Amino acid sequence: MSRVFFLATVILIFVTALAALWGASGFNPGADILWAVRLPRVVTALFSGAAVAVAGALSQSLFRNALASPSITGTESGAAFALALATLMTASTNDTTTLQHPYIYTSIGAAAAMMIAITFMGFSINGHGGLGHLLLGGFAMNALLAAGTALCVGILMERGNGMSLYHWLMGSFSARTWSHAAVIGSGSVLIGLIAWFQAPTLDALSMGDDGAKSIGIRVQRVRVTQVILISLLVGLSLSVGGALPFIGLIAPHFARLVVGPHLRLLIPISALFGASLTVFADMIARVARAPIDMDVGILTTIIGAPYFLWLLWRKENA
């Protein structure tokens, strides 16, 4: 474990340093650019990726399936719809205080989407149901929420102020400041620590509900706690960086292959892998078409979607 943690940390430090120093004109950023522009963006991307990766590890534990992730179960779509709706309300009422704390709306949206998914897609909070129900229900949930988000964005486009929301929802760390980094950094570390301390209890659920109850665990309460932690992590990440599709699937899956399913090990390694992947994707998004920023969500989807299809194919042909 110590070697894996050390190697993952070294990789993250290397990718972070590379992303901070490398720009469209090469490796020559000035001190002002480095401190005021590059580092806040990189640190925000780092903690956003870590938060989504930990949410993915908790989702896989909740559904007892290595193919589960926040994006598949509609959590990210719910957070995005809530943010789009809040933005539309702000534009309609001219009440600038509505979006002062966007993570409140994104967290509520993420929690609502997951609870609806758990209730209506045949995959109950008690862990019953199959992967087919999860995927089909998740597909329907994502499509419905995406339609609602597109409607909000379309209305804002007609009013001439929808492009910033569109790029935000597609995943963007452009113009992020130290205040964004502080919010996502402090929030993700706090929630991640809570999840880490809860890890032994969460792992006990892998024995099944009856086995967990036999050792005194309140199964329903623990599962609700997991839903809350996942929603807070996804909502916090999306509120500062937009959607990061498949990071919540790829990072914990890599970590599981290396350290196994126990959350005490899986959570920190998933966070390191997710942070590295997100910082790397943001770096490519920033320099590939400079001076135009690509949407980070496009790159994570290009990487993650084929990987997910390969996992499904391997599972079916195992």
C-alpha atoms as a PDB file:
ATOM      1  CA  MET A   1       0.000   0.000   0.000  1.00  0.00           C
ATOM      2  CA  SER A   2       2.761   2.459   0.927  1.00  0.00           C
ATOM      3  CA  ARG A   3       4.487   1.942  -2.420  1.00  0.00           C
ATOM      4  CA  VAL A   4       1.246   2.398  -4.351  1.00  0.00           C
ATOM      5  CA  PHE A   5       0.397   5.545  -2.400  1.00  0.00           C
ATOM      6  CA  PHE A   6       3.910   6.923  -2.946  1.00  0.00           C
ATOM      7  CA  LEU A   7       3.815   6.195  -6.685  1.00  0.00           C
ATOM      8  CA  ALA A   8       0.342   7.708  -7.095  1.00  0.00           C
ATOM      9  CA  THR A   9       1.468  10.810  -5.185  1.00  0.00           C
ATOM     10  CA  VAL A  10       4.567  11.168  -7.356  1.00  0.00           C
ATOM     11  CA  ILE A  11       2.439  10.900 -10.504  1.00  0.00           C
ATOM     12  CA  LEU A  12       0.059  13.570  -9.196  1.00  0.00           C
ATOM     13  CA  ILE A  13       2.911  15.927  -8.285  1.00  0.00           C
ATOM     14  CA  PHE A  14       4.501  15.452 -11.716  1.00  0.00           C
ATOM     15  CA  VAL A  15       1.234  16.045 -13.601  1.00  0.00           C
ATOM     16  CA  THR A  16       0.392  19.051 -11.417  1.00  0.00           C
ATOM     17  CA  ALA A  17       3.805  20.652 -11.976  1.00  0.00           C
ATOM     18  CA  LEU A  18       3.607  19.968 -15.716  1.00  0.00           C
ATOM     19  CA  ALA A  19       0.133  21.480 -15.961  1.00  0.00           C
ATOM     20  CA  ALA A  20       1.186  24.572 -14.003  1.00  0.00           C
ATOM     21  CA  LEU A  21       4.291  25.214 -16.104  1.00  0.00           C
ATOM     22  CA  TRP A  22       3.190  24.171 -19.593  1.00  0.00           C
ATOM     23  CA  GLY A  23       1.288  26.651 -21.707  1.00  0.00           C
ATOM     24  CA  ALA A  24       0.698  27.465 -25.351  1.00  0.00           C
ATOM     25  CA  SER A  25       4.070  29.194 -25.599  1.00  0.00           C
ATOM     26  CA  GLY A  26       6.023  26.447 -23.842  1.00  0.00           C
ATOM     27  CA  PHE A  27       7.531  26.197 -20.369  1.00  0.00           C
ATOM     28  CA  ASN A  28       7.989  29.863 -19.621  1.00  0.00           C
ATOM     29  CA  PRO A  29       5.188  31.241 -17.452  1.00  0.00           C
ATOM     30  CA  GLY A  30       5.804  34.427 -15.547  1.00  0.00           C
ATOM     31  CA  ALA A  31       5.442  34.473 -11.790  1.00  0.00           C
ATOM     32  CA  ASP A  32       2.214  36.493 -11.986  1.00  0.00           C
ATOM     33  CA  ILE A  33       0.639  34.106 -14.521  1.00  0.00           C
ATOM     34  CA  LEU A  34       1.764  31.080 -12.540  1.00  0.00           C
ATOM     35  CA  TRP A  35       0.362  32.295  -9.230  1.00  0.00           C
ATOM     36  CA  ALA A  36      -2.759  34.178 -10.360  1.00  0.00           C
ATOM     37  CA  VAL A  37      -3.903  32.041 -13.318  1.00  0.00           C
ATOM     38  CA  ARG A  38      -2.307  28.608 -13.625  1.00  0.00           C
ATOM     39  CA  LEU A  39      -2.058  27.390 -10.021  1.00  0.00           C
ATOM     40  CA  PRO A  40      -5.639  28.259  -8.971  1.00  0.00           C
ATOM     41  CA  ARG A  41      -6.915  26.466 -12.055  1.00  0.00           C
ATOM     42  CA  VAL A  42      -4.743  23.404 -11.505  1.00  0.00           C
ATOM     43  CA  VAL A  43      -5.570  23.154  -7.798  1.00  0.00           C
ATOM     44  CA  THR A  44      -9.306  23.490  -8.531  1.00  0.00           C
ATOM     45  CA  ALA A  45      -9.080  20.742 -11.162  1.00  0.00           C
ATOM     46  CA  LEU A  46      -7.064  18.558  -8.783  1.00  0.00           C
ATOM     47  CA  PHE A  47      -9.617  18.620  -5.977  1.00  0.00           C
ATOM     48  CA  SER A  48     -12.572  18.399  -8.370  1.00  0.00           C
ATOM     49  CA  GLY A  49     -11.192  15.202  -9.890  1.00  0.00           C
ATOM     50  CA  ALA A  50     -10.430  13.779  -6.460  1.00  0.00           C
ATOM     51  CA  ALA A  51     -13.976  14.517  -5.250  1.00  0.00           C
ATOM     52  CA  VAL A  52     -15.625  12.826  -8.249  1.00  0.00           C
ATOM     53  CA  ALA A  53     -13.299   9.819  -7.937  1.00  0.00           C
ATOM     54  CA  VAL A  54     -14.168   9.330  -4.260  1.00  0.00           C
ATOM     55  CA  ALA A  55     -17.852   9.698  -5.151  1.00  0.00           C
ATOM     56  CA  GLY A  56     -17.330   6.968  -7.730  1.00  0.00           C
ATOM     57  CA  ALA A  57     -15.712   4.649  -5.187  1.00  0.00           C
ATOM     58  CA  LEU A  58     -18.630   5.213  -2.804  1.00  0.00           C
ATOM     59  CA  SER A  59     -21.134   4.623  -5.636  1.00  0.00           C
ATOM     60  CA  GLN A  60     -19.525   1.294  -6.503  1.00  0.00           C
ATOM     61  CA  SER A  61     -19.669   0.331  -2.841  1.00  0.00           C
ATOM     62  CA  LEU A  62     -23.309   1.438  -2.530  1.00  0.00           C
ATOM     63  CA  PHE A  63     -24.478  -0.570  -5.545  1.00  0.00           C
ATOM     64  CA  ARG A  64     -21.979  -3.404  -4.971  1.00  0.00           C
ATOM     65  CA  ASN A  65     -20.880  -3.171  -8.577  1.00  0.00           C
ATOM     66  CA  ALA A  66     -17.570  -2.007 -10.052  1.00  0.00           C
ATOM     67  CA  LEU A  67     -19.364  -0.512 -13.083  1.00  0.00           C
ATOM     68  CA  ALA A  68     -21.437   1.962 -11.095  1.00  0.00           C
ATOM     69  CA  SER A  69     -20.503   5.641 -11.098  1.00  0.00           C
ATOM     70  CA  PRO A  70     -22.156   8.989 -10.326  1.00  0.00           C
ATOM     71  CA  SER A  71     -22.628   9.756 -14.037  1.00  0.00           C
ATOM     72  CA  ILE A  72     -24.330   6.424 -14.733  1.00  0.00           C
ATOM     73  CA  THR A  73     -26.828   6.757 -11.891  1.00  0.00           C
ATOM     74  CA  GLY A  74     -27.850  10.299 -12.876  1.00  0.00           C
ATOM     75  CA  THR A  75     -26.149  12.096 -10.004  1.00  0.00           C
ATOM     76  CA  GLU A  76     -24.053  14.399 -12.191  1.00  0.00           C
ATOM     77  CA  SER A  77     -27.024  15.083 -14.489  1.00  0.00           C
ATOM     78  CA  GLY A  78     -29.129  16.008 -11.485  1.00  0.00           C
ATOM     79  CA  ALA A  79     -26.500  18.423 -10.235  1.00  0.00           C
ATOM     80  CA  ALA A  80     -26.165  19.959 -13.707  1.00  0.00           C
ATOM     81  CA  PHE A  81     -29.930  20.414 -14.056  1.00  0.00           C
ATOM     82  CA  ALA A  82     -30.152  22.049 -10.643  1.00  0.00           C
ATOM     83  CA  LEU A  83     -27.364  24.470 -11.549  1.00  0.00           C
ATOM     84  CA  ALA A  84     -28.961  25.285 -14.915  1.00  0.00           C
ATOM     85  CA  LEU A  85     -32.338  25.863 -13.279  1.00  0.00           C
ATOM     86  CA  ALA A  86     -30.815  28.093 -10.599  1.00  0.00           C
ATOM     87  CA  THR A  87     -28.993  30.088 -13.283  1.00  0.00           C
ATOM     88  CA  LEU A  88     -32.222  30.544 -15.249  1.00  0.00           C
ATOM     89  CA  MET A  89     -34.017  31.700 -12.114  1.00  0.00           C
ATOM     90  CA  THR A  90     -31.227  34.174 -11.448  1.00  0.00           C
ATOM     91  CA  ALA A  91     -31.486  35.581 -14.974  1.00  0.00           C
ATOM     92  CA  SER A  92     -35.287  35.792 -14.747  1.00  0.00           C
ATOM     93  CA  THR A  93     -35.461  37.521 -11.378  1.00  0.00           C
ATOM     94  CA  ASN A  94     -32.194  39.497 -11.526  1.00  0.00           C
ATOM     95  CA  ASP A  95     -31.501  38.219  -8.026  1.00  0.00           C
ATOM     96  CA  THR A  96     -27.714  37.877  -7.968  1.00  0.00           C
ATOM     97  CA  THR A  97     -27.764  36.264  -4.530  1.00  0.00           C
ATOM     98  CA  THR A  98     -29.271  33.052  -5.956  1.00  0.00           C
ATOM     99  CA  LEU A  99     -25.947  31.745  -7.287  1.00  0.00           C
ATOM    100  CA  GLN A 100     -23.663  32.978  -4.540  1.00  0.00           C
ATOM    101  CA  HIS A 101     -23.449  29.409  -3.249  1.00  0.00           C
ATOM    102  CA  PRO A 102     -23.996  27.170  -6.311  1.00  0.00           C
ATOM    103  CA  TYR A 103     -22.846  24.027  -4.492  1.00  0.00           C
ATOM    104  CA  ILE A 104     -26.073  24.103  -2.460  1.00  0.00           C
ATOM    105  CA  TYR A 105     -28.167  23.667  -5.610  1.00  0.00           C
ATOM    106  CA  THR A 106     -25.844  21.130  -7.225  1.00  0.00           C
ATOM    107  CA  SER A 107     -25.740  18.989  -4.078  1.00  0.00           C
ATOM    108  CA  ILE A 108     -29.523  19.015  -3.736  1.00  0.00           C
ATOM    109  CA  GLY A 109     -29.903  18.167  -7.423  1.00  0.00           C
ATOM    110  CA  ALA A 110     -27.419  15.309  -7.164  1.00  0.00           C
ATOM    111  CA  ALA A 111     -29.143  13.851  -4.088  1.00  0.00           C
ATOM    112  CA  ALA A 112     -32.612  14.132  -5.640  1.00  0.00           C
ATOM    113  CA  ALA A 113     -31.511  12.420  -8.851  1.00  0.00           C
ATOM    114  CA  MET A 114     -29.868   9.539  -7.000  1.00  0.00           C
ATOM    115  CA  MET A 115     -32.845   8.995  -4.704  1.00  0.00           C
ATOM    116  CA  ILE A 116     -35.226   8.979  -7.688  1.00  0.00           C
ATOM    117  CA  ALA A 117     -32.955   6.534  -9.466  1.00  0.00           C
ATOM    118  CA  ILE A 118     -32.775   4.237  -6.446  1.00  0.00           C
ATOM    119  CA  THR A 119     -36.544   4.375  -5.965  1.00  0.00           C
ATOM    120  CA  PHE A 120     -37.809   3.962  -9.514  1.00  0.00           C
ATOM    121  CA  MET A 121     -35.189   2.062 -11.512  1.00  0.00           C
ATOM    122  CA  GLY A 122     -35.599  -1.224  -9.686  1.00  0.00           C
ATOM    123  CA  PHE A 123     -32.340  -0.883  -7.786  1.00  0.00           C
ATOM    124  CA  SER A 124     -33.474  -0.286  -4.219  1.00  0.00           C
ATOM    125  CA  ILE A 125     -31.638   1.293  -1.350  1.00  0.00           C
ATOM    126  CA  ASN A 126     -31.306  -2.224   0.078  1.00  0.00           C
ATOM    127  CA  GLY A 127     -29.115  -3.279  -2.811  1.00  0.00           C
ATOM    128  CA  HIS A 128     -31.618  -5.423  -4.767  1.00  0.00           C
ATOM    129  CA  GLY A 129     -31.820  -5.287  -8.529  1.00  0.00           C
ATOM    130  CA  GLY A 130     -29.373  -5.929 -11.340  1.00  0.00           C
ATOM    131  CA  LEU A 131     -26.866  -4.115 -13.484  1.00  0.00           C
ATOM    132  CA  GLY A 132     -29.319  -4.099 -16.385  1.00  0.00           C
ATOM    133  CA  HIS A 133     -31.884  -2.190 -14.327  1.00  0.00           C
ATOM    134  CA  LEU A 134     -29.191   0.203 -13.178  1.00  0.00           C
ATOM    135  CA  LEU A 135     -27.922   0.972 -16.681  1.00  0.00           C
ATOM    136  CA  LEU A 136     -31.346   1.255 -18.327  1.00  0.00           C
ATOM    137  CA  GLY A 137     -32.754   3.349 -15.511  1.00  0.00           C
ATOM    138  CA  GLY A 138     -29.641   5.501 -15.449  1.00  0.00           C
ATOM    139  CA  PHE A 139     -29.876   6.049 -19.192  1.00  0.00           C
ATOM    140  CA  ALA A 140     -33.489   7.215 -18.881  1.00  0.00           C
ATOM    141  CA  MET A 141     -32.673   9.426 -15.892  1.00  0.00           C
ATOM    142  CA  ASN A 142     -29.711  11.045 -17.660  1.00  0.00           C
ATOM    143  CA  ALA A 143     -31.766  11.634 -20.818  1.00  0.00           C
ATOM    144  CA  LEU A 144     -34.605  13.272 -18.894  1.00  0.00           C
ATOM    145  CA  LEU A 145     -32.324  15.522 -16.842  1.00  0.00           C
ATOM    146  CA  ALA A 146     -30.207  16.376 -19.902  1.00  0.00           C
ATOM    147  CA  ALA A 147     -33.373  17.492 -21.694  1.00  0.00           C
ATOM    148  CA  GLY A 148     -34.278  19.741 -18.775  1.00  0.00           C
ATOM    149  CA  THR A 149     -30.762  21.182 -18.693  1.00  0.00           C
ATOM    150  CA  ALA A 150     -30.803  21.777 -22.456  1.00  0.00           C
ATOM    151  CA  LEU A 151     -34.136  23.592 -22.124  1.00  0.00           C
ATOM    152  CA  CYS A 152     -32.699  25.920 -19.482  1.00  0.00           C
ATOM    153  CA  VAL A 153     -29.553  26.539 -21.552  1.00  0.00           C
ATOM    154  CA  GLY A 154     -31.648  27.166 -24.670  1.00  0.00           C
ATOM    155  CA  ILE A 155     -33.769  29.784 -22.927  1.00  0.00           C
ATOM    156  CA  LEU A 156     -30.635  31.484 -21.624  1.00  0.00           C
ATOM    157  CA  MET A 157     -29.112  31.380 -25.127  1.00  0.00           C
ATOM    158  CA  GLU A 158     -32.143  33.224 -26.472  1.00  0.00           C
ATOM    159  CA  ARG A 159     -31.497  35.915 -23.881  1.00  0.00           C
ATOM    160  CA  GLY A 160     -27.837  36.097 -24.876  1.00  0.00           C
ATOM    161  CA  ASN A 161     -26.285  34.802 -21.664  1.00  0.00           C
ATOM    162  CA  GLY A 162     -26.193  31.025 -21.986  1.00  0.00           C
ATOM    163  CA  MET A 163     -22.706  30.328 -23.383  1.00  0.00           C
ATOM    164  CA  SER A 164     -20.891  30.620 -20.058  1.00  0.00           C
ATOM    165  CA  LEU A 165     -23.303  28.158 -18.446  1.00  0.00           C
ATOM    166  CA  TYR A 166     -22.944  25.790 -21.405  1.00  0.00           C
ATOM    167  CA  HIS A 167     -19.158  25.681 -21.149  1.00  0.00           C
ATOM    168  CA  TRP A 168     -19.359  25.423 -17.362  1.00  0.00           C
ATOM    169  CA  LEU A 169     -21.656  22.408 -17.567  1.00  0.00           C
ATOM    170  CA  MET A 170     -19.435  20.756 -20.186  1.00  0.00           C
ATOM    171  CA  GLY A 171     -16.522  20.929 -17.783  1.00  0.00           C
ATOM    172  CA  SER A 172     -14.308  23.983 -17.570  1.00  0.00           C
ATOM    173  CA  PHE A 173     -11.736  25.323 -15.131  1.00  0.00           C
ATOM    174  CA  SER A 174     -11.121  28.517 -17.051  1.00  0.00           C
ATOM    175  CA  ALA A 175     -10.816  31.705 -14.971  1.00  0.00           C
ATOM    176  CA  ARG A 176     -10.885  29.802 -11.684  1.00  0.00           C
ATOM    177  CA  THR A 177      -9.473  31.705  -8.722  1.00  0.00           C
ATOM    178  CA  TRP A 178      -8.027  30.841  -5.337  1.00  0.00           C
ATOM    179  CA  SER A 179     -11.506  31.232  -3.841  1.00  0.00           C
ATOM    180  CA  HIS A 180     -12.763  28.388  -6.065  1.00  0.00           C
ATOM    181  CA  ALA A 181      -9.753  26.307  -5.082  1.00  0.00           C
ATOM    182  CA  ALA A 182     -10.388  27.001  -1.395  1.00  0.00           C
ATOM    183  CA  VAL A 183     -14.053  25.966  -1.619  1.00  0.00           C
ATOM    184  CA  ILE A 184     -13.461  22.714  -3.462  1.00  0.00           C
ATOM    185  CA  GLY A 185     -10.277  21.953  -1.525  1.00  0.00           C
ATOM    186  CA  SER A 186     -11.685  22.407   1.971  1.00  0.00           C
ATOM    187  CA  GLY A 187     -15.024  20.798   1.125  1.00  0.00           C
ATOM    188  CA  SER A 188     -13.649  17.719  -0.640  1.00  0.00           C
ATOM    189  CA  VAL A 189     -11.037  17.085   2.053  1.00  0.00           C
ATOM    190  CA  LEU A 190     -13.639  17.344   4.825  1.00  0.00           C
ATOM    191  CA  ILE A 191     -16.178  15.078   3.098  1.00  0.00           C
ATOM    192  CA  GLY A 192     -13.439  12.680   1.998  1.00  0.00           C
ATOM    193  CA  LEU A 193     -12.220  12.351   5.584  1.00  0.00           C
ATOM    194  CA  ILE A 194     -15.755  11.632   6.784  1.00  0.00           C
ATOM    195  CA  ALA A 195     -16.065   8.915   4.132  1.00  0.00           C
ATOM    196  CA  TRP A 196     -12.653   7.502   5.072  1.00  0.00           C
ATOM    197  CA  PHE A 197     -13.555   7.256   8.754  1.00  0.00           C
ATOM    198  CA  GLN A 198     -16.855   5.616   7.772  1.00  0.00           C
ATOM    199  CA  ALA A 199     -15.058   3.112   5.517  1.00  0.00           C
ATOM    200  CA  PRO A 200     -15.113   0.078   7.880  1.00  0.00           C
ATOM    201  CA  THR A 201     -18.862   0.457   8.347  1.00  0.00           C
ATOM    202  CA  LEU A 202     -19.429   0.869   4.617  1.00  0.00           C
ATOM    203  CA  ASP A 203     -17.264  -2.170   3.871  1.00  0.00           C
ATOM    204  CA  ALA A 204     -19.352  -4.257   6.275  1.00  0.00           C
ATOM    205  CA  LEU A 205     -22.320  -3.879   3.923  1.00  0.00           C
ATOM    206  CA  SER A 206     -20.499  -6.093   1.414  1.00  0.00           C
ATOM    207  CA  MET A 207     -21.443  -9.031   3.659  1.00  0.00           C
ATOM    208  CA  GLY A 208     -25.064  -8.401   2.765  1.00  0.00           C
ATOM    209  CA  ASP A 209     -27.802  -6.716   4.747  1.00  0.00           C
ATOM    210  CA  ASP A 210     -28.399  -9.669   7.058  1.00  0.00           C
ATOM    211  CA  GLY A 211     -24.700 -10.052   7.819  1.00  0.00           C
ATOM    212  CA  ALA A 212     -24.291  -6.337   8.478  1.00  0.00           C
ATOM    213  CA  LYS A 213     -27.343  -6.250  10.750  1.00  0.00           C
ATOM    214  CA  SER A 214     -25.996  -9.224  12.700  1.00  0.00           C
ATOM    215  CA  ILE A 215     -23.002  -7.162  13.836  1.00  0.00           C
ATOM    216  CA  GLY A 216     -25.125  -4.202  14.849  1.00  0.00           C
ATOM    217  CA  ILE A 217     -24.961  -1.991  11.735  1.00  0.00           C
ATOM    218  CA  ARG A 218     -27.991   0.093  10.874  1.00  0.00           C
ATOM    219  CA  VAL A 219     -28.037  -0.662   7.182  1.00  0.00           C
ATOM    220  CA  GLN A 220     -30.626   1.891   6.096  1.00  0.00           C
ATOM    221  CA  ARG A 221     -28.873   4.731   7.915  1.00  0.00           C
ATOM    222  CA  VAL A 222     -25.483   3.800   6.470  1.00  0.00           C
ATOM    223  CA  ARG A 223     -26.817   3.684   2.921  1.00  0.00           C
ATOM    224  CA  VAL A 224     -28.502   7.070   3.309  1.00  0.00           C
ATOM    225  CA  THR A 225     -25.189   8.416   4.618  1.00  0.00           C
ATOM    226  CA  GLN A 226     -23.487   7.117   1.471  1.00  0.00           C
ATOM    227  CA  VAL A 227     -26.037   8.846  -0.751  1.00  0.00           C
ATOM    228  CA  ILE A 228     -25.480  12.122   1.104  1.00  0.00           C
ATOM    229  CA  LEU A 229     -21.675  11.874   0.838  1.00  0.00           C
ATOM    230  CA  ILE A 230     -21.823  11.039  -2.878  1.00  0.00           C
ATOM    231  CA  SER A 231     -24.219  13.912  -3.544  1.00  0.00           C
ATOM    232  CA  LEU A 232     -22.112  16.435  -1.647  1.00  0.00           C
ATOM    233  CA  LEU A 233     -18.928  15.394  -3.461  1.00  0.00           C
ATOM    234  CA  VAL A 234     -20.519  15.481  -6.916  1.00  0.00           C
ATOM    235  CA  GLY A 235     -22.370  18.716  -6.205  1.00  0.00           C
ATOM    236  CA  LEU A 236     -19.265  20.419  -4.874  1.00  0.00           C
ATOM    237  CA  SER A 237     -17.165  19.350  -7.848  1.00  0.00           C
ATOM    238  CA  LEU A 238     -19.729  20.350 -10.449  1.00  0.00           C
ATOM    239  CA  SER A 239     -20.312  23.732  -8.813  1.00  0.00           C
ATOM    240  CA  VAL A 240     -16.717  24.811  -9.543  1.00  0.00           C
ATOM    241  CA  GLY A 241     -15.679  22.772 -12.581  1.00  0.00           C
ATOM    242  CA  GLY A 242     -18.733  21.388 -14.313  1.00  0.00           C
ATOM    243  CA  ALA A 243     -19.299  17.763 -15.217  1.00  0.00           C
ATOM    244  CA  LEU A 244     -16.364  15.336 -15.395  1.00  0.00           C
ATOM    245  CA  PRO A 245     -17.863  12.285 -17.120  1.00  0.00           C
ATOM    246  CA  PHE A 246     -16.319   8.877 -16.381  1.00  0.00           C
ATOM    247  CA  ILE A 247     -13.711  10.135 -13.893  1.00  0.00           C
ATOM    248  CA  GLY A 248     -15.908   8.560 -11.208  1.00  0.00           C
ATOM    249  CA  LEU A 249     -15.687   5.253 -13.070  1.00  0.00           C
ATOM    250  CA  ILE A 250     -12.103   5.117 -14.325  1.00  0.00           C
ATOM    251  CA  ALA A 251     -10.224   6.305 -11.226  1.00  0.00           C
ATOM    252  CA  PRO A 252     -11.836   3.975  -8.638  1.00  0.00           C
ATOM    253  CA  HIS A 253     -11.696   1.071 -11.088  1.00  0.00           C
ATOM    254  CA  PHE A 254      -7.941   1.543 -11.525  1.00  0.00           C
ATOM    255  CA  ALA A 255      -7.561   1.884  -7.777  1.00  0.00           C
ATOM    256  CA  ARG A 256      -9.600  -1.265  -7.153  1.00  0.00           C
ATOM    257  CA  LEU A 257      -7.320  -3.239  -9.471  1.00  0.00           C
ATOM    258  CA  VAL A 258      -4.297  -2.053  -7.483  1.00  0.00           C
ATOM    259  CA  VAL A 259      -5.404  -2.070  -3.833  1.00  0.00           C
ATOM    260  CA  GLY A 260      -8.630  -4.110  -3.777  1.00  0.00           C
ATOM    261  CA  PRO A 261     -12.159  -3.185  -2.712  1.00  0.00           C
ATOM    262  CA  HIS A 262     -11.603  -2.027   0.884  1.00  0.00           C
ATOM    263  CA  LEU A 263     -12.561   1.649   1.108  1.00  0.00           C
ATOM    264  CA  ARG A 264      -9.865   2.585   3.620  1.00  0.00           C
ATOM    265  CA  LEU A 265      -7.351   1.970   0.809  1.00  0.00           C
ATOM    266  CA  LEU A 266      -9.630   2.616  -2.140  1.00  0.00           C
ATOM    267  CA  ILE A 267     -10.680   6.155  -1.172  1.00  0.00           C
ATOM    268  CA  PRO A 268      -7.209   7.800  -1.026  1.00  0.00           C
ATOM    269  CA  ILE A 269      -5.859   5.969  -4.085  1.00  0.00           C
ATOM    270  CA  SER A 270      -9.008   6.792  -6.078  1.00  0.00           C
ATOM    271  CA  ALA A 271      -8.631  10.438  -5.072  1.00  0.00           C
ATOM    272  CA  LEU A 272      -5.013  10.527  -6.285  1.00  0.00           C
ATOM    273  CA  PHE A 273      -5.842   8.820  -9.592  1.00  0.00           C
ATOM    274  CA  GLY A 274      -8.896  11.025 -10.165  1.00  0.00           C
ATOM    275  CA  ALA A 275      -6.923  14.178  -9.422  1.00  0.00           C
ATOM    276  CA  SER A 276      -4.138  13.156 -11.829  1.00  0.00           C
ATOM    277  CA  LEU A 277      -6.568  12.294 -14.639  1.00  0.00           C
ATOM    278  CA  THR A 278      -8.482  15.560 -14.268  1.00  0.00           C
ATOM    279  CA  VAL A 279      -5.388  17.766 -14.100  1.00  0.00           C
ATOM    280  CA  PHE A 280      -3.981  15.997 -17.170  1.00  0.00           C
ATOM    281  CA  ALA A 281      -7.265  16.369 -19.095  1.00  0.00           C
ATOM    282  CA  ASP A 282      -7.476  20.058 -18.181  1.00  0.00           C
ATOM    283  CA  MET A 283      -3.892  20.600 -19.321  1.00  0.00           C
ATOM    284  CA  ILE A 284      -4.657  19.063 -22.725  1.00  0.00           C
ATOM    285  CA  ALA A 285      -7.876  21.080 -22.941  1.00  0.00           C
ATOM    286  CA  ARG A 286      -5.895  24.262 -22.301  1.00  0.00           C
ATOM    287  CA  VAL A 287      -3.037  23.733 -24.765  1.00  0.00           C
ATOM    288  CA  ALA A 288      -4.507  21.568 -27.564  1.00  0.00           C
ATOM    289  CA  ARG A 289      -6.338  24.441 -29.279  1.00  0.00           C
ATOM    290  CA  ALA A 290      -4.723  27.413 -27.547  1.00  0.00           C
ATOM    291  CA  PRO A 291      -5.726  30.170 -27.056  1.00  0.00           C
ATOM    292  CA  ILE A 292      -9.188  28.522 -27.116  1.00  0.00           C
ATOM    293  CA  ASP A 293     -10.034  26.282 -24.177  1.00  0.00           C
ATOM    294  CA  MET A 294     -11.626  22.932 -24.959  1.00  0.00           C
ATOM    295  CA  ASP A 295     -14.267  21.590 -22.588  1.00  0.00           C
ATOM    296  CA  VAL A 296     -12.690  19.156 -20.139  1.00  0.00           C
ATOM    297  CA  GLY A 297     -15.795  16.968 -20.140  1.00  0.00           C
ATOM    298  CA  ILE A 298     -15.260  16.224 -23.829  1.00  0.00           C
ATOM    299  CA  LEU A 299     -11.800  14.829 -23.158  1.00  0.00           C
ATOM    300  CA  THR A 300     -12.859  12.749 -20.155  1.00  0.00           C
ATOM    301  CA  THR A 301     -15.704  11.294 -22.236  1.00  0.00           C
ATOM    302  CA  ILE A 302     -13.358  10.460 -25.119  1.00  0.00           C
ATOM    303  CA  ILE A 303     -11.180   8.568 -22.650  1.00  0.00           C
ATOM    304  CA  GLY A 304     -13.880   7.098 -20.452  1.00  0.00           C
ATOM    305  CA  ALA A 305     -16.627   5.972 -22.840  1.00  0.00           C
ATOM    306  CA  PRO A 306     -14.478   3.429 -24.752  1.00  0.00           C
ATOM    307  CA  TYR A 307     -13.088   2.194 -21.440  1.00  0.00           C
ATOM    308  CA  PHE A 308     -16.604   1.669 -20.090  1.00  0.00           C
ATOM    309  CA  LEU A 309     -17.664  -0.206 -23.235  1.00  0.00           C
ATOM    310  CA  TRP A 310     -14.603  -2.423 -22.892  1.00  0.00           C
ATOM    311  CA  LEU A 311     -15.499  -3.166 -19.266  1.00  0.00           C
ATOM    312  CA  LEU A 312     -19.037  -4.140 -20.304  1.00  0.00           C
ATOM    313  CA  TRP A 313     -17.714  -6.353 -23.092  1.00  0.00           C
ATOM    314  CA  ARG A 314     -15.250  -8.044 -20.768  1.00  0.00           C
ATOM    315  CA  LYS A 315     -17.958  -8.622 -18.155  1.00  0.00           C
ATOM    316  CA  GLU A 316     -20.294 -10.186 -20.711  1.00  0.00           C
ATOM    317  CA  ASN A 317     -17.572 -12.426 -22.142  1.00  0.00           C
ATOM    318  CA  ALA A 318     -15.925 -13.398 -18.862  1.00  0.00           C
END
